[in-house]
C-alpha atoms as a PDB file:
ATOM      1  CA  UNK A   1     -82.162  73.858-221.870  1.00  0.00           C
ATOM      2  CA  UNK A   2     -84.535  76.765-222.116  1.00  0.00           C
ATOM      3  CA  UNK A   3     -87.131  77.116-224.810  1.00  0.00           C
ATOM      4  CA  UNK A   4     -86.369  79.055-227.947  1.00  0.00           C
ATOM      5  CA  UNK A   5     -87.471  82.661-228.071  1.00  0.00           C
ATOM      6  CA  UNK A   6     -88.561  84.999-230.826  1.00  0.00           C
ATOM      7  CA  UNK A   7     -84.970  86.280-231.061  1.00  0.00           C
ATOM      8  CA  UNK A   8     -83.693  82.749-231.713  1.00  0.00           C
ATOM      9  CA  UNK A   9     -86.245  82.311-234.482  1.00  0.00           C
ATOM     10  CA  UNK A  10     -85.338  85.711-235.958  1.00  0.00           C
ATOM     11  CA  UNK A  11     -81.619  84.823-235.942  1.00  0.00           C
ATOM     12  CA  UNK A  12     -82.318  81.507-237.705  1.00  0.00           C
ATOM     13  CA  UNK A  13     -84.545  83.244-240.256  1.00  0.00           C
ATOM     14  CA  UNK A  14     -81.918  85.964-240.770  1.00  0.00           C
ATOM     15  CA  UNK A  15     -79.259  83.348-241.478  1.00  0.00           C
ATOM     16  CA  UNK A  16     -81.507  81.576-243.969  1.00  0.00           C
ATOM     17  CA  UNK A  17     -82.363  84.869-245.666  1.00  0.00           C
ATOM     18  CA  UNK A  18     -78.677  85.793-245.924  1.00  0.00           C
ATOM     19  CA  UNK A  19     -77.878  82.491-247.628  1.00  0.00           C
ATOM     20  CA  UNK A  20     -80.837  82.843-250.004  1.00  0.00           C
ATOM     21  CA  UNK A  21     -79.900  86.483-250.694  1.00  0.00           C
ATOM     22  CA  UNK A  22     -76.333  85.444-251.452  1.00  0.00           C
ATOM     23  CA  UNK A  23     -77.477  82.786-253.932  1.00  0.00           C
ATOM     24  CA  UNK A  24     -79.915  85.141-255.657  1.00  0.00           C
ATOM     25  CA  UNK A  25     -77.412  87.992-255.971  1.00  0.00           C
ATOM     26  CA  UNK A  26     -74.660  85.604-256.999  1.00  0.00           C
ATOM     27  CA  UNK A  27     -76.285  85.400-260.421  1.00  0.00           C
ATOM     28  CA  UNK A  28     -76.034  89.194-260.669  1.00  0.00           C
ATOM     29  CA  UNK A  29     -72.374  89.228-259.637  1.00  0.00           C
ATOM     30  CA  UNK A  30     -71.264  86.560-262.137  1.00  0.00           C
ATOM     31  CA  UNK A  31     -70.975  89.145-264.910  1.00  0.00           C
ATOM     32  CA  UNK A  32     -69.015  91.556-262.726  1.00  0.00           C
ATOM     33  CA  UNK A  33     -65.227  91.746-262.189  1.00  0.00           C
ATOM     34  CA  UNK A  34     -63.596  89.077-260.032  1.00  0.00           C
ATOM     35  CA  UNK A  35     -62.857  91.427-257.127  1.00  0.00           C
ATOM     36  CA  UNK A  36     -66.543  92.375-256.928  1.00  0.00           C
ATOM     37  CA  UNK A  37     -67.555  88.717-256.842  1.00  0.00           C
ATOM     38  CA  UNK A  38     -65.090  88.090-254.039  1.00  0.00           C
ATOM     39  CA  UNK A  39     -66.284  91.091-252.032  1.00  0.00           C
ATOM     40  CA  UNK A  40     -69.905  90.093-252.594  1.00  0.00           C
ATOM     41  CA  UNK A  41     -69.269  86.651-251.184  1.00  0.00           C
ATOM     42  CA  UNK A  42     -67.108  88.018-248.371  1.00  0.00           C
ATOM     43  CA  UNK A  43     -69.886  90.357-247.205  1.00  0.00           C
ATOM     44  CA  UNK A  44     -72.459  87.564-247.122  1.00  0.00           C
ATOM     45  CA  UNK A  45     -70.066  85.132-245.414  1.00  0.00           C
ATOM     46  CA  UNK A  46     -69.222  87.814-242.839  1.00  0.00           C
ATOM     47  CA  UNK A  47     -72.899  88.473-242.149  1.00  0.00           C
ATOM     48  CA  UNK A  48     -73.662  84.780-241.838  1.00  0.00           C
ATOM     49  CA  UNK A  49     -70.680  84.319-239.532  1.00  0.00           C
ATOM     50  CA  UNK A  50     -71.778  87.236-237.332  1.00  0.00           C
ATOM     51  CA  UNK A  51     -75.305  85.870-236.994  1.00  0.00           C
ATOM     52  CA  UNK A  52     -73.888  82.429-236.253  1.00  0.00           C
ATOM     53  CA  UNK A  53     -71.656  83.858-233.527  1.00  0.00           C
ATOM     54  CA  UNK A  54     -74.610  85.623-231.894  1.00  0.00           C
ATOM     55  CA  UNK A  55     -76.651  82.413-232.070  1.00  0.00           C
ATOM     56  CA  UNK A  56     -73.792  80.437-230.533  1.00  0.00           C
ATOM     57  CA  UNK A  57     -73.384  82.883-227.631  1.00  0.00           C
ATOM     58  CA  UNK A  58     -77.106  82.704-226.907  1.00  0.00           C
ATOM     59  CA  UNK A  59     -77.002  78.895-227.065  1.00  0.00           C
ATOM     60  CA  UNK A  60     -73.954  78.699-224.764  1.00  0.00           C
ATOM     61  CA  UNK A  61     -75.721  80.721-222.071  1.00  0.00           C
ATOM     62  CA  UNK A  62     -78.404  78.041-221.782  1.00  0.00           C
ATOM     63  CA  UNK A  63     -76.113  75.030-221.316  1.00  0.00           C
ATOM     64  CA  UNK A  64     -75.707  73.175-218.055  1.00  0.00           C
ATOM     65  CA  UNK A  65     -72.357  72.037-216.616  1.00  0.00           C
ATOM     66  CA  UNK A  66     -72.309  68.657-218.343  1.00  0.00           C
ATOM     67  CA  UNK A  67     -73.083  70.153-221.730  1.00  0.00           C
ATOM     68  CA  UNK A  68     -70.425  72.865-221.262  1.00  0.00           C
ATOM     69  CA  UNK A  69     -67.832  70.250-220.293  1.00  0.00           C
ATOM     70  CA  UNK A  70     -68.811  68.144-223.311  1.00  0.00           C
ATOM     71  CA  UNK A  71     -68.344  71.099-225.633  1.00  0.00           C
ATOM     72  CA  UNK A  72     -64.963  71.934-224.139  1.00  0.00           C
ATOM     73  CA  UNK A  73     -63.821  68.332-224.421  1.00  0.00           C
ATOM     74  CA  UNK A  74     -65.051  68.076-228.014  1.00  0.00           C
ATOM     75  CA  UNK A  75     -63.411  71.352-229.023  1.00  0.00           C
ATOM     76  CA  UNK A  76     -60.135  70.441-227.345  1.00  0.00           C
ATOM     77  CA  UNK A  77     -59.747  66.934-228.720  1.00  0.00           C
ATOM     78  CA  UNK A  78     -61.793  67.199-231.920  1.00  0.00           C
ATOM     79  CA  UNK A  79     -59.133  69.286-233.649  1.00  0.00           C
ATOM     80  CA  UNK A  80     -56.397  66.797-232.834  1.00  0.00           C
ATOM     81  CA  UNK A  81     -58.533  63.832-233.867  1.00  0.00           C
ATOM     82  CA  UNK A  82     -59.542  65.535-237.128  1.00  0.00           C
ATOM     83  CA  UNK A  83     -55.953  66.238-238.158  1.00  0.00           C
ATOM     84  CA  UNK A  84     -54.933  62.713-237.161  1.00  0.00           C
ATOM     85  CA  UNK A  85     -57.839  61.260-239.155  1.00  0.00           C
ATOM     86  CA  UNK A  86     -56.883  63.170-242.311  1.00  0.00           C
ATOM     87  CA  UNK A  87     -53.237  62.186-241.885  1.00  0.00           C
ATOM     88  CA  UNK A  88     -54.048  58.515-241.393  1.00  0.00           C
ATOM     89  CA  UNK A  89     -56.426  58.486-244.366  1.00  0.00           C
ATOM     90  CA  UNK A  90     -54.156  60.415-246.737  1.00  0.00           C
ATOM     91  CA  UNK A  91     -50.893  58.531-246.131  1.00  0.00           C
ATOM     92  CA  UNK A  92     -51.935  55.171-247.607  1.00  0.00           C
ATOM     93  CA  UNK A  93     -54.061  56.760-250.329  1.00  0.00           C
ATOM     94  CA  UNK A  94     -51.491  59.101-251.904  1.00  0.00           C
ATOM     95  CA  UNK A  95     -51.716  57.321-255.240  1.00  0.00           C
ATOM     96  CA  UNK A  96     -55.498  57.722-255.240  1.00  0.00           C
ATOM     97  CA  UNK A  97     -55.162  61.438-254.406  1.00  0.00           C
ATOM     98  CA  UNK A  98     -52.609  61.874-257.216  1.00  0.00           C
ATOM     99  CA  UNK A  99     -54.930  60.145-259.695  1.00  0.00           C
ATOM    100  CA  UNK A 100     -57.820  62.341-258.562  1.00  0.00           C
ATOM    101  CA  UNK A 101     -55.655  65.457-259.054  1.00  0.00           C
ATOM    102  CA  UNK A 102     -54.653  64.282-262.534  1.00  0.00           C
ATOM    103  CA  UNK A 103     -58.294  63.595-263.446  1.00  0.00           C
ATOM    104  CA  UNK A 104     -59.309  66.996-262.081  1.00  0.00           C
ATOM    105  CA  UNK A 105     -56.572  68.720-264.098  1.00  0.00           C
ATOM    106  CA  UNK A 106     -57.644  67.013-267.341  1.00  0.00           C
ATOM    107  CA  UNK A 107     -61.406  67.319-266.886  1.00  0.00           C
ATOM    108  CA  UNK A 108     -61.764  71.018-266.032  1.00  0.00           C
ATOM    109  CA  UNK A 109     -60.743  74.132-267.829  1.00  0.00           C
ATOM    110  CA  UNK A 110     -59.653  76.666-265.260  1.00  0.00           C
ATOM    111  CA  UNK A 111     -56.754  79.000-264.660  1.00  0.00           C
ATOM    112  CA  UNK A 112     -56.382  77.882-261.034  1.00  0.00           C
ATOM    113  CA  UNK A 113     -53.341  75.631-260.649  1.00  0.00           C
ATOM    114  CA  UNK A 114     -54.092  72.047-259.638  1.00  0.00           C
ATOM    115  CA  UNK A 115     -51.745  72.338-256.672  1.00  0.00           C
ATOM    116  CA  UNK A 116     -53.788  75.226-255.261  1.00  0.00           C
ATOM    117  CA  UNK A 117     -57.033  73.327-255.758  1.00  0.00           C
ATOM    118  CA  UNK A 118     -55.664  70.179-254.103  1.00  0.00           C
ATOM    119  CA  UNK A 119     -54.308  72.238-251.204  1.00  0.00           C
ATOM    120  CA  UNK A 120     -57.731  73.822-250.740  1.00  0.00           C
ATOM    121  CA  UNK A 121     -59.341  70.371-250.892  1.00  0.00           C
ATOM    122  CA  UNK A 122     -56.950  69.198-248.173  1.00  0.00           C
ATOM    123  CA  UNK A 123     -57.694  72.184-245.948  1.00  0.00           C
ATOM    124  CA  UNK A 124     -61.442  71.790-246.366  1.00  0.00           C
ATOM    125  CA  UNK A 125     -61.153  68.045-245.792  1.00  0.00           C
ATOM    126  CA  UNK A 126     -59.259  68.678-242.566  1.00  0.00           C
ATOM    127  CA  UNK A 127     -61.902  71.142-241.365  1.00  0.00           C
ATOM    128  CA  UNK A 128     -64.667  68.657-242.138  1.00  0.00           C
ATOM    129  CA  UNK A 129     -62.806  65.858-240.324  1.00  0.00           C
ATOM    130  CA  UNK A 130     -62.248  68.163-237.343  1.00  0.00           C
ATOM    131  CA  UNK A 131     -65.923  69.042-237.145  1.00  0.00           C
ATOM    132  CA  UNK A 132     -66.991  65.412-237.422  1.00  0.00           C
ATOM    133  CA  UNK A 133     -64.501  64.508-234.686  1.00  0.00           C
ATOM    134  CA  UNK A 134     -65.676  67.374-232.495  1.00  0.00           C
ATOM    135  CA  UNK A 135     -69.306  66.339-232.786  1.00  0.00           C
ATOM    136  CA  UNK A 136     -68.473  62.691-232.121  1.00  0.00           C
ATOM    137  CA  UNK A 137     -66.338  63.504-229.082  1.00  0.00           C
ATOM    138  CA  UNK A 138     -68.932  65.879-227.659  1.00  0.00           C
ATOM    139  CA  UNK A 139     -71.636  63.224-228.049  1.00  0.00           C
ATOM    140  CA  UNK A 140     -69.372  60.602-226.508  1.00  0.00           C
ATOM    141  CA  UNK A 141     -68.654  62.814-223.506  1.00  0.00           C
ATOM    142  CA  UNK A 142     -72.370  63.482-222.960  1.00  0.00           C
ATOM    143  CA  UNK A 143     -73.191  59.793-223.308  1.00  0.00           C
ATOM    144  CA  UNK A 144     -70.506  58.787-220.788  1.00  0.00           C
ATOM    145  CA  UNK A 145     -71.697  61.315-218.183  1.00  0.00           C
ATOM    146  CA  UNK A 146     -75.443  60.659-218.234  1.00  0.00           C
END
């Protein structure tokens, strides 16, 4: 891999500044209407995503064949493994998930239905499991080839 350049450092700093800017201005947007809060967050998430995409393209250009193959393998099989992992974990623990949902419903005062919050928790949990699986499979591919 090539050394990092000034542009790489600027992209990393820009991402950090966007996250800090979002947190600072989040306090300002808390007293605003809900649609403004959502748009505020959407703009910062979009900016962070754009900078992340540029950083990823620059990083991909520097990879050798083994690293590219490892990334492809991890991306291809990490999604499947992540979904399978969540499915395997959630099937035997349905009672635990139901108790957690009941506790969450009783302990918080919000207008969001518990079903929507549990669905969101499941989606986020699947994404996290997919990313963990992708990283593990990419590392395993690299380790097996070197």
